[in-house]
Amino acid sequence: MKQVVVIGGGIIGLSSAFYLQQSGCKVTVIDKDHFENNCSYGNLGYVCPSHFIPLAAPGIVWQGFKWMFNSKSPFYVKPSFNKALLDWGINFAKSATEQNVAKSAIPLRDISLLSQNEFLEWKKIPGFEFAYEHKGMLEVFQTEAVAKHAEHTVSKGRELGLDVNLLDYESLQKLEPQTKINAIGAVQFNCDAHVYPNKLMKVLKEHLVANGVQFQSGETVVSFEKENNVVKEVITDKHSYEADEVVIATGAWTREIAALVNAKISLMPGRGYSITLENSDYKVNHPIILAEGRVAIAPMDGNKIRFGGTMEVVPTTEKPQYHRINGILNAVKDFLPEFDIQKPTEEDIWYGYRPCSADGLPYIGRIKKYNNVVVATGHSMMGLSLGPGTGKLVSEIVNREATSIDINAFEVERFG
């Protein structure tokens, strides 16, 4: 039986463990924390084929400069002479082109649809309940400039075979009759679904434990024992683990872990914030993105509503800037004037670090130097959405099977 060590206890690591265990591997998952409160928990739970435009898109660099010095802005890069940040910034700027958007659309669509299909398969497992709802998603806009961009998005989405429509204000307001929306229209992505991340992660862990996957928490990987072109053991600050195959799925920390096996990955942490209200008077029927505000909203699990946003490209050691939640709440109030949400206490503000690749595409595949090491990271804001699809691909790669989709666009060391 093949022994596989998966490093990382977020949705990518656990999804990889799911399919590896299913394929007959003996799986151990190591997490530096305790398999809780990572970026897989506080996100908006979107399962979104709609997100076929990568983070590195035209205009984002210039927009980022304009936003950088506004403490309430949705995008911020902490200035630094850190080499990893400089390399990532150069690669990101080079990737923020129409050509990158065009070549990324099909790979992103394909992995999104693969992942969505796997979510549907998970739903069939007895007791595997994670509040999956296929209601679509509304991307709401206020300005003519964004309306023009929305027309292009709808056209491109239909070209990709996705179910997407352009709505005028009246049609939008009919879909959300319980609150006034300050907007001129919306893109309706009928192809999208959403889940309750906290429930998903809980049931996924329980399923893995019940099926013999070993969990090792509170251990940090510090090195690897290598022989020729193979990693023999994963060494943590507490134990060592023999491995026939190693999967590195450590999210925003992957660049440092991958460097221990001589793999260079252009990746930076992108911190986001969210708040969740339970039994709130404020309700929406659908997941909603506030386009100009760069804020996402999701109804969850019957009686919850979550608001999230911001992208702070900062080190994981940087103290959270809780005041940034004001920018999220201001955008909500601007679009939904009846939503008068007070800033919560710091204890009720969640934050986490997304692993942001330099071109907006994930890194999935084997590294060059050691032929039994697979990396899966760089999903930016789409980690949960792409989790099951990525896990399936990882299992196929580890077992040296044909992959369900073409993964050339996700080459791990493409910036190396």
Protein backbone atom coordinates (compact mmCIF):
# COMPACT_ATOMS: atom_id res chain seq x y z
CA MET A 1 0.00 0.00 0.00
CA LYS A 2 1.40 3.37 -1.03
CA GLN A 3 2.13 5.68 1.93
CA VAL A 4 1.28 9.31 1.18
CA VAL A 5 1.99 12.21 3.50
CA VAL A 6 -0.18 15.27 2.86
CA ILE A 7 1.14 18.49 4.39
CA GLY A 8 -1.65 20.98 5.07
CA GLY A 9 -5.06 20.64 6.70
CA GLY A 10 -7.15 23.07 4.66
CA ILE A 11 -9.66 22.19 1.96
CA ILE A 12 -6.94 21.35 -0.61
CA GLY A 13 -5.06 19.02 1.73
CA LEU A 14 -8.19 17.29 3.01
CA SER A 15 -9.67 16.94 -0.49
CA SER A 16 -6.40 15.38 -1.63
CA ALA A 17 -6.54 12.99 1.34
CA PHE A 18 -10.14 12.09 0.43
CA TYR A 19 -9.31 10.92 -3.09
CA LEU A 20 -5.97 9.37 -2.15
CA GLN A 21 -7.66 7.28 0.55
CA GLN A 22 -10.37 6.31 -1.93
CA SER A 23 -7.69 5.14 -4.36
CA GLY A 24 -6.23 2.75 -1.79
CA CYS A 25 -3.37 4.82 -0.37
CA LYS A 26 -2.47 4.95 3.30
CA VAL A 27 -2.71 8.69 4.08
CA THR A 28 -1.29 10.83 6.87
CA VAL A 29 -2.20 14.54 7.01
CA ILE A 30 0.06 16.93 8.92
CA ASP A 31 -1.11 20.41 9.93
CA LYS A 32 0.93 23.09 11.68
CA ASP A 33 -2.17 24.17 13.59
CA HIS A 34 -5.12 22.03 14.60
CA PHE A 35 -7.10 21.60 11.36
CA GLU A 36 -9.32 24.54 12.25
CA ASN A 37 -9.83 28.22 11.54
CA ASN A 38 -7.65 28.21 8.42
CA CYS A 39 -8.67 29.99 5.22
CA SER A 40 -11.05 27.14 4.38
CA TYR A 41 -13.42 28.16 7.19
CA GLY A 42 -14.05 31.91 7.02
CA ASN A 43 -14.52 32.24 3.27
CA LEU A 44 -17.84 32.78 1.49
CA GLY A 45 -18.34 29.18 0.43
CA TYR A 46 -18.74 29.97 -3.26
CA VAL A 47 -18.61 27.09 -5.75
CA CYS A 48 -18.09 29.33 -8.71
CA PRO A 49 -17.47 28.44 -12.35
CA SER A 50 -18.28 32.15 -12.83
CA HIS A 51 -14.75 33.01 -11.69
CA PHE A 52 -13.04 32.39 -15.03
CA ILE A 53 -11.23 35.76 -14.95
CA PRO A 54 -7.99 35.41 -12.92
CA LEU A 55 -6.88 37.82 -10.21
CA ALA A 56 -4.06 39.00 -12.50
CA ALA A 57 -6.20 40.92 -14.98
CA PRO A 58 -5.72 44.20 -16.88
CA GLY A 59 -6.14 47.30 -14.74
CA ILE A 60 -5.57 45.61 -11.39
CA VAL A 61 -2.00 46.91 -10.99
CA TRP A 62 -2.93 50.55 -11.60
CA GLN A 63 -6.04 50.19 -9.46
CA GLY A 64 -3.90 48.67 -6.74
CA PHE A 65 -1.60 51.70 -6.72
CA LYS A 66 -4.61 54.01 -6.35
CA TRP A 67 -6.02 51.93 -3.48
CA MET A 68 -2.75 51.27 -1.69
CA PHE A 69 -2.87 54.27 0.65
CA ASN A 70 -6.58 54.08 1.50
CA SER A 71 -7.05 52.18 4.76
CA LYS A 72 -10.59 51.18 3.78
CA SER A 73 -9.74 50.08 0.24
CA PRO A 74 -10.32 46.48 -0.90
CA PHE A 75 -6.74 45.97 -2.12
CA TYR A 76 -3.45 46.65 -0.38
CA VAL A 77 0.17 45.59 -0.85
CA LYS A 78 2.50 46.25 2.08
CA PRO A 79 5.57 47.93 0.55
CA SER A 80 8.70 45.92 1.21
CA PHE A 81 12.08 45.02 -0.29
CA ASN A 82 11.40 41.37 0.48
CA LYS A 83 12.71 39.40 -2.51
CA ALA A 84 9.75 37.02 -2.63
CA LEU A 85 7.33 39.96 -2.75
CA LEU A 86 9.37 41.77 -5.42
CA ASP A 87 9.56 38.65 -7.59
CA TRP A 88 5.84 38.01 -7.14
CA GLY A 89 5.02 41.65 -7.92
CA ILE A 90 7.02 41.59 -11.14
CA ASN A 91 5.44 38.29 -12.23
CA PHE A 92 1.98 39.56 -11.27
CA ALA A 93 2.40 42.78 -13.26
CA LYS A 94 3.65 40.83 -16.29
CA SER A 95 0.65 38.49 -16.02
CA ALA A 96 -2.01 41.20 -15.71
CA THR A 97 -2.76 41.21 -19.44
CA GLU A 98 -5.61 40.42 -21.81
CA GLN A 99 -3.56 37.48 -23.08
CA ASN A 100 -3.37 35.98 -19.58
CA VAL A 101 -7.12 36.41 -19.09
CA ALA A 102 -7.82 34.74 -22.44
CA LYS A 103 -5.55 31.73 -21.90
CA SER A 104 -6.71 31.26 -18.28
CA ALA A 105 -10.45 31.11 -18.97
CA ILE A 106 -10.68 27.51 -20.18
CA PRO A 107 -8.40 25.98 -17.50
CA LEU A 108 -10.29 27.85 -14.77
CA ARG A 109 -13.65 26.81 -16.22
CA ASP A 110 -12.59 23.20 -16.51
CA ILE A 111 -11.26 22.81 -12.97
CA SER A 112 -14.30 24.71 -11.61
CA LEU A 113 -16.77 22.43 -13.36
CA LEU A 114 -14.78 19.34 -12.34
CA SER A 115 -14.86 20.51 -8.74
CA GLN A 116 -18.55 21.35 -8.81
CA ASN A 117 -19.31 17.90 -10.15
CA GLU A 118 -17.28 16.35 -7.32
CA PHE A 119 -19.24 18.38 -4.76
CA LEU A 120 -22.38 16.76 -6.19
CA GLU A 121 -20.76 13.34 -5.75
CA TRP A 122 -19.92 14.20 -2.12
CA LYS A 123 -23.55 15.10 -1.53
CA LYS A 124 -24.51 11.50 -2.32
CA ILE A 125 -22.41 10.10 0.55
CA PRO A 126 -24.68 9.18 3.50
CA GLY A 127 -24.31 11.73 6.31
CA PHE A 128 -22.11 14.02 4.19
CA GLU A 129 -24.19 17.20 4.64
CA PHE A 130 -22.59 20.60 4.07
CA ALA A 131 -25.49 22.92 3.12
CA TYR A 132 -24.85 22.78 -0.62
CA GLU A 133 -27.26 25.03 -2.50
CA HIS A 134 -27.35 25.67 -6.23
CA LYS A 135 -28.99 29.12 -6.35
CA GLY A 136 -26.57 30.87 -8.68
CA MET A 137 -24.75 34.10 -7.86
CA LEU A 138 -25.46 37.78 -8.59
CA GLU A 139 -22.66 40.20 -9.43
CA VAL A 140 -24.30 43.56 -8.80
CA PHE A 141 -23.01 46.83 -10.28
CA GLN A 142 -23.72 50.55 -9.90
CA THR A 143 -21.86 52.25 -12.75
CA GLU A 144 -22.02 52.30 -16.52
CA ALA A 145 -18.32 51.47 -16.74
CA VAL A 146 -18.85 48.19 -14.88
CA ALA A 147 -22.08 47.58 -16.82
CA LYS A 148 -20.04 47.65 -20.02
CA HIS A 149 -17.57 45.18 -18.56
CA ALA A 150 -20.50 43.01 -17.45
CA GLU A 151 -21.70 42.73 -21.05
CA HIS A 152 -18.28 41.37 -22.00
CA THR A 153 -18.34 38.94 -19.05
CA VAL A 154 -21.75 37.60 -20.08
CA SER A 155 -20.59 37.16 -23.66
CA LYS A 156 -17.41 35.36 -22.60
CA GLY A 157 -19.27 33.22 -20.09
CA ARG A 158 -21.74 32.05 -22.73
CA GLU A 159 -18.84 31.38 -25.10
CA LEU A 160 -17.45 29.08 -22.38
CA GLY A 161 -20.80 27.28 -22.17
CA LEU A 162 -21.82 28.74 -18.80
CA ASP A 163 -25.40 29.69 -17.87
CA VAL A 164 -25.11 33.46 -17.42
CA ASN A 165 -27.48 36.41 -18.00
CA LEU A 166 -27.46 40.19 -17.79
CA LEU A 167 -30.18 41.63 -15.55
CA ASP A 168 -31.63 45.14 -15.47
CA TYR A 169 -32.50 46.77 -12.16
CA GLU A 170 -36.12 45.63 -12.10
CA SER A 171 -35.20 42.00 -12.74
CA LEU A 172 -32.49 42.16 -10.08
CA GLN A 173 -34.80 43.67 -7.47
CA LYS A 174 -37.44 40.98 -8.13
CA LEU A 175 -34.88 38.32 -7.21
CA GLU A 176 -34.13 40.09 -3.91
CA PRO A 177 -37.51 41.56 -2.85
CA GLN A 178 -36.78 41.73 0.87
CA THR A 179 -34.30 44.63 0.66
CA LYS A 180 -33.69 47.64 -1.57
CA ILE A 181 -30.61 47.35 -3.81
CA ASN A 182 -28.76 50.47 -4.90
CA ALA A 183 -27.58 49.34 -8.33
CA ILE A 184 -28.35 49.57 -12.04
CA GLY A 185 -28.11 45.85 -12.87
CA ALA A 186 -26.33 42.57 -12.31
CA VAL A 187 -24.76 39.57 -13.95
CA GLN A 188 -26.67 36.43 -12.98
CA PHE A 189 -24.45 33.35 -12.90
CA ASN A 190 -26.90 30.44 -12.77
CA CYS A 191 -23.91 28.08 -12.98
CA ASP A 192 -22.80 28.84 -9.41
CA ALA A 193 -23.58 27.20 -6.07
CA HIS A 194 -22.46 27.70 -2.47
CA VAL A 195 -21.84 25.73 0.72
CA TYR A 196 -21.36 26.44 4.44
CA PRO A 197 -17.56 26.09 4.77
CA ASN A 198 -17.53 25.36 8.51
CA LYS A 199 -19.94 22.46 8.08
CA LEU A 200 -18.07 21.17 5.01
CA MET A 201 -14.71 21.07 6.79
CA LYS A 202 -16.20 19.38 9.85
CA VAL A 203 -17.93 16.60 7.90
CA LEU A 204 -14.91 16.11 5.62
CA LYS A 205 -12.59 15.61 8.61
CA GLU A 206 -15.04 13.20 10.23
CA HIS A 207 -15.31 11.20 7.01
CA LEU A 208 -11.53 10.96 6.64
CA VAL A 209 -11.01 9.86 10.24
CA ALA A 210 -13.75 7.26 9.90
CA ASN A 211 -12.00 5.90 6.81
CA GLY A 212 -8.58 5.52 8.40
CA VAL A 213 -6.78 8.72 7.44
CA GLN A 214 -4.26 9.68 10.16
CA PHE A 215 -4.28 13.29 11.40
CA GLN A 216 -1.19 14.85 13.01
CA SER A 217 -1.86 18.33 14.38
CA GLY A 218 0.38 21.02 15.82
CA GLU A 219 3.44 19.89 13.83
CA THR A 220 5.51 22.10 11.57
CA VAL A 221 7.47 20.55 8.71
CA VAL A 222 11.10 21.59 9.06
CA SER A 223 12.91 19.40 6.51
CA PHE A 224 12.84 16.34 4.27
CA GLU A 225 15.12 13.33 4.13
CA LYS A 226 16.11 12.92 0.48
CA GLU A 227 17.92 10.26 -1.46
CA ASN A 228 18.82 10.79 -5.11
CA ASN A 229 15.65 12.24 -6.67
CA VAL A 230 13.23 10.96 -4.04
CA VAL A 231 11.97 12.28 -0.70
CA LYS A 232 12.11 9.43 1.81
CA GLU A 233 10.81 11.09 4.98
CA VAL A 234 8.92 14.19 6.04
CA ILE A 235 10.51 15.61 9.20
CA THR A 236 8.54 17.87 11.54
CA ASP A 237 9.51 19.63 14.75
CA LYS A 238 8.16 16.60 16.64
CA HIS A 239 8.33 13.44 14.49
CA SER A 240 9.35 12.02 11.13
CA TYR A 241 7.10 10.21 8.65
CA GLU A 242 8.13 7.78 5.95
CA ALA A 243 6.58 8.56 2.58
CA ASP A 244 6.31 6.99 -0.86
CA GLU A 245 4.69 10.21 -2.08
CA VAL A 246 4.44 13.70 -0.58
CA VAL A 247 1.72 16.29 -1.23
CA ILE A 248 2.46 19.90 -0.27
CA ALA A 249 -0.84 21.74 0.19
CA THR A 250 0.08 24.33 2.78
CA GLY A 251 -1.78 27.29 1.28
CA ALA A 252 -0.17 30.66 1.89
CA TRP A 253 2.85 28.94 3.51
CA THR A 254 3.62 26.74 0.49
CA ARG A 255 6.46 28.84 -0.90
CA GLU A 256 8.57 28.23 2.22
CA ILE A 257 7.80 24.49 2.41
CA ALA A 258 8.40 24.01 -1.33
CA ALA A 259 11.78 25.71 -0.99
CA LEU A 260 12.84 22.82 1.28
CA VAL A 261 12.60 20.57 -1.80
CA ASN A 262 14.26 23.13 -4.09
CA ALA A 263 11.02 24.18 -5.82
CA LYS A 264 10.59 27.89 -6.53
CA ILE A 265 6.98 29.07 -6.48
CA SER A 266 5.85 32.66 -7.07
CA LEU A 267 3.26 33.00 -4.31
CA MET A 268 2.24 35.51 -1.65
CA PRO A 269 -0.35 35.51 1.14
CA GLY A 270 -3.47 37.58 0.45
CA ARG A 271 -5.29 38.31 3.69
CA GLY A 272 -9.06 38.64 3.70
CA TYR A 273 -11.63 39.37 6.40
CA SER A 274 -15.20 38.27 7.03
CA ILE A 275 -17.99 38.53 9.56
CA THR A 276 -20.89 36.14 10.03
CA LEU A 277 -24.29 37.07 11.48
CA GLU A 278 -26.64 34.41 12.86
CA ASN A 279 -30.43 34.80 12.94
CA SER A 280 -30.03 38.26 11.42
CA ASP A 281 -32.87 40.46 10.19
CA TYR A 282 -30.72 41.18 7.12
CA LYS A 283 -31.38 38.58 4.45
CA VAL A 284 -30.60 37.92 0.80
CA ASN A 285 -31.78 35.04 -1.36
CA HIS A 286 -28.60 34.58 -3.38
CA PRO A 287 -24.85 34.91 -2.97
CA ILE A 288 -24.01 38.44 -4.12
CA ILE A 289 -20.81 40.16 -5.20
CA LEU A 290 -20.81 43.97 -4.95
CA ALA A 291 -18.72 44.71 -8.01
CA GLU A 292 -17.41 48.21 -7.34
CA GLY A 293 -17.13 47.52 -3.60
CA ARG A 294 -15.21 44.25 -4.06
CA VAL A 295 -17.30 42.65 -1.32
CA ALA A 296 -18.97 39.24 -1.29
CA ILE A 297 -22.13 38.22 0.56
CA ALA A 298 -23.51 34.74 1.12
CA PRO A 299 -26.60 33.37 2.87
CA MET A 300 -25.54 30.20 4.67
CA ASP A 301 -27.03 27.16 6.30
CA GLY A 302 -30.52 28.56 6.64
CA ASN A 303 -30.05 31.22 9.30
CA LYS A 304 -26.64 32.79 8.66
CA ILE A 305 -25.28 35.54 6.42
CA ARG A 306 -21.58 36.19 5.81
CA PHE A 307 -19.86 39.31 4.45
CA GLY A 308 -16.26 39.18 3.25
CA GLY A 309 -13.64 40.98 1.25
CA THR A 310 -10.31 42.82 0.99
CA MET A 311 -7.04 41.54 -0.40
CA GLU A 312 -4.01 42.49 1.67
CA VAL A 313 -0.77 41.17 0.22
CA VAL A 314 1.17 41.04 3.47
CA PRO A 315 3.40 38.58 5.36
CA THR A 316 1.54 36.05 7.50
CA THR A 317 3.29 37.57 10.53
CA GLU A 318 1.70 40.99 9.93
CA LYS A 319 -0.83 42.02 12.59
CA PRO A 320 -4.43 42.05 11.34
CA GLN A 321 -5.87 45.46 10.51
CA TYR A 322 -9.34 45.02 11.93
CA HIS A 323 -10.39 48.49 10.83
CA ARG A 324 -10.48 47.15 7.28
CA ILE A 325 -13.82 45.57 8.10
CA ASN A 326 -15.18 49.14 7.93
CA GLY A 327 -14.52 49.16 4.20
CA ILE A 328 -16.57 45.98 3.82
CA LEU A 329 -19.46 47.33 5.90
CA ASN A 330 -19.42 50.68 4.05
CA ALA A 331 -19.67 48.90 0.69
CA VAL A 332 -22.57 46.79 1.99
CA LYS A 333 -24.38 49.94 3.18
CA ASP A 334 -23.76 51.64 -0.16
CA PHE A 335 -25.33 48.79 -2.17
CA LEU A 336 -27.87 47.64 0.42
CA PRO A 337 -28.91 50.87 2.23
CA GLU A 338 -31.26 49.05 4.62
CA PHE A 339 -28.35 46.95 5.96
CA ASP A 340 -27.18 48.95 8.96
CA ILE A 341 -24.51 46.61 10.34
CA GLN A 342 -22.39 47.81 13.23
CA LYS A 343 -18.69 46.98 13.38
CA PRO A 344 -18.32 43.83 15.48
CA THR A 345 -15.73 43.26 18.18
CA GLU A 346 -12.32 42.02 17.06
CA GLU A 347 -13.18 38.56 18.44
CA ASP A 348 -16.04 38.34 15.93
CA ILE A 349 -13.95 39.35 12.90
CA TRP A 350 -12.41 36.41 11.05
CA TYR A 351 -9.30 36.76 8.90
CA GLY A 352 -7.25 34.31 6.88
CA TYR A 353 -4.54 34.11 4.24
CA ARG A 354 -5.28 33.08 0.67
CA PRO A 355 -2.39 31.63 -1.35
CA CYS A 356 -2.10 33.98 -4.33
CA SER A 357 -0.18 32.83 -7.38
CA ALA A 358 1.42 35.43 -9.62
CA ASP A 359 -0.95 34.85 -12.54
CA GLY A 360 -4.19 33.86 -10.81
CA LEU A 361 -3.97 30.17 -11.72
CA PRO A 362 -3.30 27.45 -9.14
CA TYR A 363 -0.13 25.39 -8.99
CA ILE A 364 -0.96 21.68 -9.31
CA GLY A 365 1.55 19.01 -10.27
CA ARG A 366 4.91 17.39 -9.61
CA ILE A 367 8.02 19.45 -8.93
CA LYS A 368 11.15 19.10 -11.05
CA LYS A 369 13.86 17.91 -8.67
CA TYR A 370 12.13 15.19 -6.62
CA ASN A 371 9.87 12.87 -8.54
CA ASN A 372 7.59 11.90 -5.66
CA VAL A 373 6.55 15.40 -4.55
CA VAL A 374 3.28 16.99 -5.69
CA VAL A 375 2.31 20.60 -4.97
CA ALA A 376 -1.28 21.90 -4.84
CA THR A 377 -1.67 25.57 -3.93
CA GLY A 378 -2.14 29.08 -5.33
CA HIS A 379 -5.93 29.01 -5.61
CA SER A 380 -6.25 32.62 -4.39
CA MET A 381 -9.91 33.27 -3.52
CA MET A 382 -11.10 29.99 -5.02
CA GLY A 383 -9.59 27.39 -2.72
CA LEU A 384 -12.87 26.06 -1.40
CA SER A 385 -14.51 26.19 -4.82
CA LEU A 386 -11.67 24.23 -6.42
CA GLY A 387 -10.97 21.92 -3.46
CA PRO A 388 -12.62 18.67 -4.57
CA GLY A 389 -11.46 19.07 -8.18
CA THR A 390 -7.89 19.74 -7.05
CA GLY A 391 -7.99 16.77 -4.67
CA LYS A 392 -9.11 14.49 -7.48
CA LEU A 393 -6.30 15.76 -9.73
CA VAL A 394 -3.72 15.29 -6.95
CA SER A 395 -4.78 11.67 -6.49
CA GLU A 396 -4.55 11.06 -10.23
CA ILE A 397 -1.06 12.62 -10.33
CA VAL A 398 0.17 10.64 -7.31
CA ASN A 399 -1.16 7.40 -8.81
CA ARG A 400 0.31 8.33 -12.23
CA GLU A 401 -3.07 8.15 -13.93
CA ALA A 402 -4.42 10.29 -16.75
CA THR A 403 -5.83 13.48 -15.24
CA SER A 404 -9.52 14.36 -15.54
CA ILE A 405 -8.63 17.66 -17.24
CA ASP A 406 -5.57 19.17 -18.90
CA ILE A 407 -3.30 20.52 -16.13
CA ASN A 408 -0.52 22.08 -18.24
CA ALA A 409 -1.69 25.60 -17.29
CA PHE A 410 -1.14 24.74 -13.61
CA GLU A 411 2.56 23.79 -13.93
CA VAL A 412 4.11 24.26 -10.50
CA GLU A 413 7.43 25.88 -11.43
CA ARG A 414 6.26 27.98 -14.37
CA PHE A 415 7.92 31.09 -12.87
CA GLY A 416 10.99 29.19 -11.67
